[in-house]
Amino acid sequence: MLVPGDLAGPAHCRAVIAKAVDEGFATHTLPLEEGPQAYKTFQAKEDGMVKALLNP
């Protein structure tokens, strides 16, 4: 479990994102380049996409 003050800046962001992915936050994980298509898929409610995580 992350406690405020444990991490700061980019390291904190990476830890929070990793925890969210591990807990099933995102239904889809895609590269950033696929963002425009992912948005279209999300809007059309296709492929069961509820939450997408785009990796840089």
C-alpha atoms as a PDB file:
ATOM      1  CA  MET A   1       0.000   0.000   0.000  1.00  0.00           C
ATOM      2  CA  LEU A   2       1.266   3.443  -0.872  1.00  0.00           C
ATOM      3  CA  VAL A   3       1.440   5.994   1.891  1.00  0.00           C
ATOM      4  CA  PRO A   4       1.599   9.729   1.097  1.00  0.00           C
ATOM      5  CA  GLY A   5       5.197  10.819   1.243  1.00  0.00           C
ATOM      6  CA  ASP A   6       6.617   7.402   0.282  1.00  0.00           C
ATOM      7  CA  LEU A   7       7.341   8.501  -3.270  1.00  0.00           C
ATOM      8  CA  ALA A   8       7.340  11.770  -5.126  1.00  0.00           C
ATOM      9  CA  GLY A   9       7.098  12.925  -8.706  1.00  0.00           C
ATOM     10  CA  PRO A  10       7.411  10.486 -11.613  1.00  0.00           C
ATOM     11  CA  ALA A  11       8.198   7.521  -9.349  1.00  0.00           C
ATOM     12  CA  HIS A  12       4.919   8.081  -7.513  1.00  0.00           C
ATOM     13  CA  CYS A  13       2.989   8.264 -10.791  1.00  0.00           C
ATOM     14  CA  ARG A  14       4.530   5.012 -12.026  1.00  0.00           C
ATOM     15  CA  ALA A  15       3.692   3.268  -8.758  1.00  0.00           C
ATOM     16  CA  VAL A  16       0.081   4.449  -8.805  1.00  0.00           C
ATOM     17  CA  ILE A  17      -0.368   3.394 -12.441  1.00  0.00           C
ATOM     18  CA  ALA A  18       1.216  -0.020 -11.807  1.00  0.00           C
ATOM     19  CA  LYS A  19      -1.113  -0.570  -8.841  1.00  0.00           C
ATOM     20  CA  ALA A  20      -4.159   0.441 -10.909  1.00  0.00           C
ATOM     21  CA  VAL A  21      -3.207  -1.971 -13.685  1.00  0.00           C
ATOM     22  CA  ASP A  22      -2.602  -4.805 -11.203  1.00  0.00           C
ATOM     23  CA  GLU A  23      -6.031  -4.258  -9.673  1.00  0.00           C
ATOM     24  CA  GLY A  24      -7.800  -4.466 -13.014  1.00  0.00           C
ATOM     25  CA  PHE A  25      -8.535  -0.746 -13.330  1.00  0.00           C
ATOM     26  CA  ALA A  26      -8.200  -0.834 -17.101  1.00  0.00           C
ATOM     27  CA  THR A  27     -10.113  -3.178 -19.358  1.00  0.00           C
ATOM     28  CA  HIS A  28      -7.635  -2.466 -22.170  1.00  0.00           C
ATOM     29  CA  THR A  29      -3.952  -1.496 -22.161  1.00  0.00           C
ATOM     30  CA  LEU A  30      -2.666  -0.060 -25.433  1.00  0.00           C
ATOM     31  CA  PRO A  31       0.313   1.882 -26.777  1.00  0.00           C
ATOM     32  CA  LEU A  32      -0.171   5.649 -26.944  1.00  0.00           C
ATOM     33  CA  GLU A  33      -0.088   5.542 -30.752  1.00  0.00           C
ATOM     34  CA  GLU A  34      -3.388   3.648 -30.701  1.00  0.00           C
ATOM     35  CA  GLY A  35      -5.109   6.396 -28.694  1.00  0.00           C
ATOM     36  CA  PRO A  36      -7.305   7.783 -31.487  1.00  0.00           C
ATOM     37  CA  GLN A  37      -8.606   4.325 -32.427  1.00  0.00           C
ATOM     38  CA  ALA A  38      -9.039   3.402 -28.758  1.00  0.00           C
ATOM     39  CA  TYR A  39     -11.213   6.481 -28.276  1.00  0.00           C
ATOM     40  CA  LYS A  40     -13.398   5.471 -31.220  1.00  0.00           C
ATOM     41  CA  THR A  41     -13.698   1.940 -29.831  1.00  0.00           C
ATOM     42  CA  PHE A  42     -14.595   3.320 -26.407  1.00  0.00           C
ATOM     43  CA  GLN A  43     -17.204   5.721 -27.786  1.00  0.00           C
ATOM     44  CA  ALA A  44     -18.829   2.948 -29.826  1.00  0.00           C
ATOM     45  CA  LYS A  45     -18.799   0.695 -26.727  1.00  0.00           C
ATOM     46  CA  GLU A  46     -17.110  -2.030 -28.757  1.00  0.00           C
ATOM     47  CA  ASP A  47     -14.858  -4.841 -27.563  1.00  0.00           C
ATOM     48  CA  GLY A  48     -16.015  -4.397 -23.954  1.00  0.00           C
ATOM     49  CA  MET A  49     -13.848  -1.300 -23.533  1.00  0.00           C
ATOM     50  CA  VAL A  50     -14.718   0.530 -20.323  1.00  0.00           C
ATOM     51  CA  LYS A  51     -11.373   1.980 -19.232  1.00  0.00           C
ATOM     52  CA  ALA A  52      -8.299   2.157 -21.441  1.00  0.00           C
ATOM     53  CA  LEU A  53      -4.759   2.732 -20.241  1.00  0.00           C
ATOM     54  CA  LEU A  54      -2.442   4.213 -22.890  1.00  0.00           C
ATOM     55  CA  ASN A  55       1.269   3.530 -22.380  1.00  0.00           C
ATOM     56  CA  PRO A  56       3.755   6.104 -23.697  1.00  0.00           C
END
